[in-house]
Amino acid sequence: MMDSIWSEGNADHSPLPTPNVTVAKSGTPVHELTPEDIRGVVVNPIYAGVGPFPRLVEDEAWFERAPD
């Protein structure tokens, strides 16, 4: 599957980077989420619509629009 995303693959067989995403536990109250937890939601392909996953959250929910 990775070849379908990055055609060059991991040709030099170098080690992959260590994951640096924090995932909040299900049911964590919003006021207890850390900035790292929120960042983990933003980059989650299930929410962001990356690859084969349809987006579940529209751009309007992520970005505040400037007044006209």
PDB file of N, CA and C in Angstrom:
ATOM      1  N   MET A   1       0.826  -1.202   0.000  1.00  0.00           N
ATOM      2  CA  MET A   1       0.000   0.000   0.000  1.00  0.00           C
ATOM      3  C   MET A   1       0.867   1.263   0.000  1.00  0.00           C
ATOM      4  N   MET A   2       1.981   1.227   0.707  1.00  0.00           N
ATOM      5  CA  MET A   2       2.818   2.421   0.770  1.00  0.00           C
ATOM      6  C   MET A   2       3.325   2.801  -0.609  1.00  0.00           C
ATOM      7  N   ASP A   3       3.554   1.819  -1.471  1.00  0.00           N
ATOM      8  CA  ASP A   3       4.008   2.136  -2.820  1.00  0.00           C
ATOM      9  C   ASP A   3       2.971   2.947  -3.576  1.00  0.00           C
ATOM     10  N   SER A   4       1.685   2.767  -3.233  1.00  0.00           N
ATOM     11  CA  SER A   4       0.655   3.536  -3.908  1.00  0.00           C
ATOM     12  C   SER A   4       0.651   4.994  -3.458  1.00  0.00           C
ATOM     13  N   ILE A   5       1.201   5.257  -2.276  1.00  0.00           N
ATOM     14  CA  ILE A   5       1.249   6.623  -1.759  1.00  0.00           C
ATOM     15  C   ILE A   5       2.551   7.295  -2.186  1.00  0.00           C
ATOM     16  N   TRP A   6       3.673   6.613  -1.966  1.00  0.00           N
ATOM     17  CA  TRP A   6       4.976   7.131  -2.339  1.00  0.00           C
ATOM     18  C   TRP A   6       5.607   6.142  -3.308  1.00  0.00           C
ATOM     19  N   SER A   7       5.623   6.492  -4.564  1.00  0.00           N
ATOM     20  CA  SER A   7       6.099   5.561  -5.580  1.00  0.00           C
ATOM     21  C   SER A   7       7.566   5.181  -5.384  1.00  0.00           C
ATOM     22  N   GLU A   8       8.361   6.048  -4.793  1.00  0.00           N
ATOM     23  CA  GLU A   8       9.773   5.722  -4.609  1.00  0.00           C
ATOM     24  C   GLU A   8       9.983   4.738  -3.465  1.00  0.00           C
ATOM     25  N   GLY A   9       8.965   4.537  -2.625  1.00  0.00           N
ATOM     26  CA  GLY A   9       9.054   3.579  -1.527  1.00  0.00           C
ATOM     27  C   GLY A   9      10.176   3.913  -0.562  1.00  0.00           C
ATOM     28  N   ASN A  10      10.741   2.885   0.040  1.00  0.00           N
ATOM     29  CA  ASN A  10      11.853   3.031   0.970  1.00  0.00           C
ATOM     30  C   ASN A  10      13.045   2.316   0.366  1.00  0.00           C
ATOM     31  N   ALA A  11      13.463   2.761  -0.822  1.00  0.00           N
ATOM     32  CA  ALA A  11      14.465   2.067  -1.625  1.00  0.00           C
ATOM     33  C   ALA A  11      15.798   1.895  -0.907  1.00  0.00           C
ATOM     34  N   ASP A  12      16.183   2.848  -0.074  1.00  0.00           N
ATOM     35  CA  ASP A  12      17.477   2.704   0.594  1.00  0.00           C
ATOM     36  C   ASP A  12      17.367   1.916   1.898  1.00  0.00           C
ATOM     37  N   HIS A  13      16.165   1.483   2.236  1.00  0.00           N
ATOM     38  CA  HIS A  13      15.907   0.668   3.434  1.00  0.00           C
ATOM     39  C   HIS A  13      16.359   1.346   4.720  1.00  0.00           C
ATOM     40  N   SER A  14      16.372   2.664   4.718  1.00  0.00           N
ATOM     41  CA  SER A  14      16.716   3.376   5.945  1.00  0.00           C
ATOM     42  C   SER A  14      15.580   3.211   6.949  1.00  0.00           C
ATOM     43  N   PRO A  15      15.867   3.315   8.245  1.00  0.00           N
ATOM     44  CA  PRO A  15      14.809   3.155   9.241  1.00  0.00           C
ATOM     45  C   PRO A  15      13.764   4.258   9.115  1.00  0.00           C
ATOM     46  N   LEU A  16      12.527   3.905   9.341  1.00  0.00           N
ATOM     47  CA  LEU A  16      11.453   4.886   9.307  1.00  0.00           C
ATOM     48  C   LEU A  16      11.520   5.743  10.565  1.00  0.00           C
ATOM     49  N   PRO A  17      11.053   6.996  10.492  1.00  0.00           N
ATOM     50  CA  PRO A  17      11.088   7.852  11.686  1.00  0.00           C
ATOM     51  C   PRO A  17      10.134   7.332  12.761  1.00  0.00           C
ATOM     52  N   THR A  18      10.446   7.649  13.997  1.00  0.00           N
ATOM     53  CA  THR A  18       9.597   7.280  15.118  1.00  0.00           C
ATOM     54  C   THR A  18       8.321   8.111  15.064  1.00  0.00           C
ATOM     55  N   PRO A  19       7.157   7.478  15.249  1.00  0.00           N
ATOM     56  CA  PRO A  19       5.907   8.265  15.255  1.00  0.00           C
ATOM     57  C   PRO A  19       5.955   9.328  16.354  1.00  0.00           C
ATOM     58  N   ASN A  20       5.424  10.498  16.045  1.00  0.00           N
ATOM     59  CA  ASN A  20       5.431  11.590  17.027  1.00  0.00           C
ATOM     60  C   ASN A  20       4.038  12.179  17.208  1.00  0.00           C
ATOM     61  N   VAL A  21       3.032  11.321  17.117  1.00  0.00           N
ATOM     62  CA  VAL A  21       1.651  11.777  17.249  1.00  0.00           C
ATOM     63  C   VAL A  21       1.079  11.267  18.561  1.00  0.00           C
ATOM     64  N   THR A  22       0.407  12.145  19.273  1.00  0.00           N
ATOM     65  CA  THR A  22      -0.284  11.777  20.500  1.00  0.00           C
ATOM     66  C   THR A  22      -1.738  11.499  20.162  1.00  0.00           C
ATOM     67  N   VAL A  23      -2.277  10.446  20.722  1.00  0.00           N
ATOM     68  CA  VAL A  23      -3.681  10.114  20.493  1.00  0.00           C
ATOM     69  C   VAL A  23      -4.388  10.122  21.838  1.00  0.00           C
ATOM     70  N   ALA A  24      -5.412  10.946  21.963  1.00  0.00           N
ATOM     71  CA  ALA A  24      -6.182  11.007  23.205  1.00  0.00           C
ATOM     72  C   ALA A  24      -7.046   9.766  23.323  1.00  0.00           C
ATOM     73  N   LYS A  25      -7.259   9.322  24.534  1.00  0.00           N
ATOM     74  CA  LYS A  25      -8.127   8.171  24.774  1.00  0.00           C
ATOM     75  C   LYS A  25      -9.569   8.554  24.482  1.00  0.00           C
ATOM     76  N   SER A  26     -10.320   7.595  23.993  1.00  0.00           N
ATOM     77  CA  SER A  26     -11.741   7.820  23.723  1.00  0.00           C
ATOM     78  C   SER A  26     -12.440   8.268  25.001  1.00  0.00           C
ATOM     79  N   GLY A  27     -13.260   9.270  24.872  1.00  0.00           N
ATOM     80  CA  GLY A  27     -14.010   9.771  26.023  1.00  0.00           C
ATOM     81  C   GLY A  27     -13.300  10.835  26.824  1.00  0.00           C
ATOM     82  N   THR A  28     -12.103  11.237  26.400  1.00  0.00           N
ATOM     83  CA  THR A  28     -11.395  12.305  27.104  1.00  0.00           C
ATOM     84  C   THR A  28     -12.190  13.596  26.978  1.00  0.00           C
ATOM     85  N   PRO A  29     -12.526  14.243  28.094  1.00  0.00           N
ATOM     86  CA  PRO A  29     -13.256  15.510  28.001  1.00  0.00           C
ATOM     87  C   PRO A  29     -12.460  16.546  27.212  1.00  0.00           C
ATOM     88  N   VAL A  30     -13.155  17.350  26.448  1.00  0.00           N
ATOM     89  CA  VAL A  30     -12.503  18.337  25.583  1.00  0.00           C
ATOM     90  C   VAL A  30     -11.581  19.251  26.371  1.00  0.00           C
ATOM     91  N   HIS A  31     -11.984  19.655  27.548  1.00  0.00           N
ATOM     92  CA  HIS A  31     -11.152  20.582  28.329  1.00  0.00           C
ATOM     93  C   HIS A  31      -9.863  19.927  28.841  1.00  0.00           C
ATOM     94  N   GLU A  32      -9.742  18.610  28.728  1.00  0.00           N
ATOM     95  CA  GLU A  32      -8.531  17.919  29.150  1.00  0.00           C
ATOM     96  C   GLU A  32      -7.591  17.595  27.981  1.00  0.00           C
ATOM     97  N   LEU A  33      -7.995  17.916  26.751  1.00  0.00           N
ATOM     98  CA  LEU A  33      -7.145  17.649  25.595  1.00  0.00           C
ATOM     99  C   LEU A  33      -5.964  18.614  25.580  1.00  0.00           C
ATOM    100  N   THR A  34      -4.797  18.074  25.312  1.00  0.00           N
ATOM    101  CA  THR A  34      -3.602  18.915  25.203  1.00  0.00           C
ATOM    102  C   THR A  34      -3.471  19.393  23.757  1.00  0.00           C
ATOM    103  N   PRO A  35      -2.651  20.402  23.501  1.00  0.00           N
ATOM    104  CA  PRO A  35      -2.410  20.803  22.111  1.00  0.00           C
ATOM    105  C   PRO A  35      -1.905  19.625  21.254  1.00  0.00           C
ATOM    106  N   GLU A  36      -1.108  18.752  21.841  1.00  0.00           N
ATOM    107  CA  GLU A  36      -0.606  17.591  21.111  1.00  0.00           C
ATOM    108  C   GLU A  36      -1.746  16.642  20.749  1.00  0.00           C
ATOM    109  N   ASP A  37      -2.714  16.457  21.667  1.00  0.00           N
ATOM    110  CA  ASP A  37      -3.876  15.610  21.384  1.00  0.00           C
ATOM    111  C   ASP A  37      -4.687  16.178  20.221  1.00  0.00           C
ATOM    112  N   ILE A  38      -4.892  17.480  20.219  1.00  0.00           N
ATOM    113  CA  ILE A  38      -5.662  18.124  19.153  1.00  0.00           C
ATOM    114  C   ILE A  38      -4.914  18.007  17.833  1.00  0.00           C
ATOM    115  N   ARG A  39      -3.605  18.185  17.855  1.00  0.00           N
ATOM    116  CA  ARG A  39      -2.791  18.017  16.654  1.00  0.00           C
ATOM    117  C   ARG A  39      -2.937  16.589  16.114  1.00  0.00           C
ATOM    118  N   GLY A  40      -3.022  15.607  17.003  1.00  0.00           N
ATOM    119  CA  GLY A  40      -3.212  14.225  16.597  1.00  0.00           C
ATOM    120  C   GLY A  40      -4.529  14.014  15.870  1.00  0.00           C
ATOM    121  N   VAL A  41      -5.576  14.733  16.283  1.00  0.00           N
ATOM    122  CA  VAL A  41      -6.867  14.654  15.594  1.00  0.00           C
ATOM    123  C   VAL A  41      -6.765  15.290  14.212  1.00  0.00           C
ATOM    124  N   VAL A  42      -6.117  16.423  14.137  1.00  0.00           N
ATOM    125  CA  VAL A  42      -6.029  17.158  12.878  1.00  0.00           C
ATOM    126  C   VAL A  42      -5.306  16.346  11.804  1.00  0.00           C
ATOM    127  N   VAL A  43      -4.279  15.610  12.165  1.00  0.00           N
ATOM    128  CA  VAL A  43      -3.520  14.853  11.176  1.00  0.00           C
ATOM    129  C   VAL A  43      -4.044  13.432  10.954  1.00  0.00           C
ATOM    130  N   ASN A  44      -5.050  13.037  11.689  1.00  0.00           N
ATOM    131  CA  ASN A  44      -5.623  11.705  11.533  1.00  0.00           C
ATOM    132  C   ASN A  44      -6.311  11.610  10.179  1.00  0.00           C
ATOM    133  N   PRO A  45      -5.912  10.665   9.317  1.00  0.00           N
ATOM    134  CA  PRO A  45      -6.513  10.582   7.982  1.00  0.00           C
ATOM    135  C   PRO A  45      -8.005  10.319   7.999  1.00  0.00           C
ATOM    136  N   ILE A  46      -8.513   9.723   9.051  1.00  0.00           N
ATOM    137  CA  ILE A  46      -9.949   9.467   9.140  1.00  0.00           C
ATOM    138  C   ILE A  46     -10.723  10.789   9.196  1.00  0.00           C
ATOM    139  N   TYR A  47     -10.183  11.800   9.863  1.00  0.00           N
ATOM    140  CA  TYR A  47     -10.851  13.098   9.965  1.00  0.00           C
ATOM    141  C   TYR A  47     -10.485  14.035   8.824  1.00  0.00           C
ATOM    142  N   ALA A  48      -9.231  13.954   8.381  1.00  0.00           N
ATOM    143  CA  ALA A  48      -8.725  14.921   7.408  1.00  0.00           C
ATOM    144  C   ALA A  48      -9.020  14.567   5.958  1.00  0.00           C
ATOM    145  N   GLY A  49      -9.363  13.309   5.678  1.00  0.00           N
ATOM    146  CA  GLY A  49      -9.655  12.917   4.304  1.00  0.00           C
ATOM    147  C   GLY A  49      -8.408  12.715   3.481  1.00  0.00           C
ATOM    148  N   VAL A  50      -7.487  11.896   3.959  1.00  0.00           N
ATOM    149  CA  VAL A  50      -6.246  11.620   3.257  1.00  0.00           C
ATOM    150  C   VAL A  50      -6.316  10.221   2.660  1.00  0.00           C
ATOM    151  N   GLY A  51      -5.750  10.076   1.466  1.00  0.00           N
ATOM    152  CA  GLY A  51      -5.724   8.769   0.818  1.00  0.00           C
ATOM    153  C   GLY A  51      -7.114   8.240   0.541  1.00  0.00           C
ATOM    154  N   PRO A  52      -7.370   6.990   0.890  1.00  0.00           N
ATOM    155  CA  PRO A  52      -8.671   6.400   0.578  1.00  0.00           C
ATOM    156  C   PRO A  52      -9.774   6.798   1.557  1.00  0.00           C
ATOM    157  N   PHE A  53      -9.449   7.583   2.577  1.00  0.00           N
ATOM    158  CA  PHE A  53     -10.429   7.936   3.586  1.00  0.00           C
ATOM    159  C   PHE A  53     -11.175   9.206   3.216  1.00  0.00           C
ATOM    160  N   PRO A  54     -12.516   9.174   3.179  1.00  0.00           N
ATOM    161  CA  PRO A  54     -13.256  10.417   2.937  1.00  0.00           C
ATOM    162  C   PRO A  54     -13.172  11.300   4.179  1.00  0.00           C
ATOM    163  N   ARG A  55     -13.134  12.601   3.956  1.00  0.00           N
ATOM    164  CA  ARG A  55     -13.060  13.498   5.118  1.00  0.00           C
ATOM    165  C   ARG A  55     -14.366  13.448   5.906  1.00  0.00           C
ATOM    166  N   LEU A  56     -14.249  13.458   7.210  1.00  0.00           N
ATOM    167  CA  LEU A  56     -15.403  13.482   8.095  1.00  0.00           C
ATOM    168  C   LEU A  56     -15.666  14.881   8.623  1.00  0.00           C
ATOM    169  N   VAL A  57     -14.656  15.743   8.549  1.00  0.00           N
ATOM    170  CA  VAL A  57     -14.786  17.117   9.034  1.00  0.00           C
ATOM    171  C   VAL A  57     -14.459  18.043   7.873  1.00  0.00           C
ATOM    172  N   GLU A  58     -15.391  18.896   7.512  1.00  0.00           N
ATOM    173  CA  GLU A  58     -15.192  19.837   6.404  1.00  0.00           C
ATOM    174  C   GLU A  58     -14.243  20.963   6.813  1.00  0.00           C
ATOM    175  N   ASP A  59     -13.618  21.590   5.813  1.00  0.00           N
ATOM    176  CA  ASP A  59     -12.675  22.675   6.078  1.00  0.00           C
ATOM    177  C   ASP A  59     -13.284  23.781   6.932  1.00  0.00           C
ATOM    178  N   GLU A  60     -14.551  24.052   6.736  1.00  0.00           N
ATOM    179  CA  GLU A  60     -15.191  25.136   7.482  1.00  0.00           C
ATOM    180  C   GLU A  60     -15.134  24.899   8.989  1.00  0.00           C
ATOM    181  N   ALA A  61     -15.093  23.654   9.396  1.00  0.00           N
ATOM    182  CA  ALA A  61     -15.021  23.342  10.833  1.00  0.00           C
ATOM    183  C   ALA A  61     -13.609  23.535  11.386  1.00  0.00           C
ATOM    184  N   TRP A  62     -12.597  23.446  10.513  1.00  0.00           N
ATOM    185  CA  TRP A  62     -11.208  23.568  10.956  1.00  0.00           C
ATOM    186  C   TRP A  62     -10.718  25.010  10.887  1.00  0.00           C
ATOM    187  N   PHE A  63     -11.210  25.769   9.901  1.00  0.00           N
ATOM    188  CA  PHE A  63     -10.678  27.111   9.653  1.00  0.00           C
ATOM    189  C   PHE A  63     -11.752  28.153   9.849  1.00  0.00           C
ATOM    190  N   GLU A  64     -11.377  29.230  10.507  1.00  0.00           N
ATOM    191  CA  GLU A  64     -12.272  30.359  10.662  1.00  0.00           C
ATOM    192  C   GLU A  64     -12.137  31.238   9.426  1.00  0.00           C
ATOM    193  N   ARG A  65     -13.234  31.541   8.803  1.00  0.00           N
ATOM    194  CA  ARG A  65     -13.194  32.369   7.591  1.00  0.00           C
ATOM    195  C   ARG A  65     -13.098  33.852   7.967  1.00  0.00           C
ATOM    196  N   ALA A  66     -12.319  34.575   7.181  1.00  0.00           N
ATOM    197  CA  ALA A  66     -12.197  36.019   7.388  1.00  0.00           C
ATOM    198  C   ALA A  66     -13.499  36.682   6.958  1.00  0.00           C
ATOM    199  N   PRO A  67     -13.931  37.721   7.675  1.00  0.00           N
ATOM    200  CA  PRO A  67     -15.140  38.427   7.280  1.00  0.00           C
ATOM    201  C   PRO A  67     -14.979  39.071   5.912  1.00  0.00           C
ATOM    202  N   ASP A  68     -16.072  39.100   5.156  1.00  0.00           N
ATOM    203  CA  ASP A  68     -16.040  39.719   3.825  1.00  0.00           C
ATOM    204  C   ASP A  68     -15.988  41.215   3.899  1.00  0.00           C
TER     205      ASP A  68
END
